């Protein structure tokens, strides 16, 4: 496993990180626990979660599983924004203060390494949000702050505020098939010392090649799991996209890579990406995905991928 610095922070995170969205949403806890231990075994040191995953269930689960593991040996990130109750939602100062304390209690830790705004709150003044996040950091409850899926204008507005903590990370959707952040978000963040932690680098499993055009999804896949498939983007599951993805298989085979490894290695070719978040329901998936760290794709391979996907890429 290789590691990269996370923006203008002192954190060094594994190129592959483990997400926890599926815990209590379709991944059995026994398997989830085995995945976490396997992640540490293969050198993953970065765990990403959110207060909203299973309405606190993912954080509580991690708090239990991570007991007994040296706290300084891993990087722990969580998020705030989505509803936790009919009255608890957003990025107001009151919510940030309430939710950070609740997250720390569930996680059984005194601090998180990274506290992220899960989305932008249009109903709260940005200055109020940033002041509250600054308070969280200066109280020692979080070491650094980040955001997920903010627009360039929203990011710039945060840069323009004085006397507040600076973001060190951005968490956008990014994959071979979804390249929208490349145009504006990536360069704006790079100029301001912010790294990318990307989610859905396998395009919700499509880039594993397991979904065949014109066929029902495999029974053991996320797309076939009613607890998890509500989140999937239907437009990514078109036969046109699935057909194009199948054409990537010879490239992966010639390189001695799995389709997942090819997709993750592609994301990591971009030096603005510090880590790619994976989800897993079985430990062997962790082992396979982790092996993508350090894989170098030459320019001919990158060009061949672009040629195959050019008509289906979202930019």
Foldseek 3Di string as FASTA:
>chain_A
DDWDDQFPDPDIFAQAAAEQLCVVLPFDLVQVLVQVVLLVVLPGQEYEYECPRVLNPSLLSQLVSCPPPPPVRHAYEYEFADDSDPPAGGQALVNLVVVLVVSCVSNVHQAHAEYEHAEHGPVYPPVRNQVSVQVCCVVVRYVAYYYEPYDLVSLVVVVPDPPGGHHREYEYADWLQEHVCVPRVLVSQVVVRGAYAYEPLCLQVLQLLQQAQPDDGDCPGQCNRPSRNVPHDVVCNHNLNSVLSNVCVVVCVVVVAGSLLVTSLVVVVDVSHRYYYDYDSHNVVSVRNSVSPPDDDDPVSVVVSCVSCVVRHHD
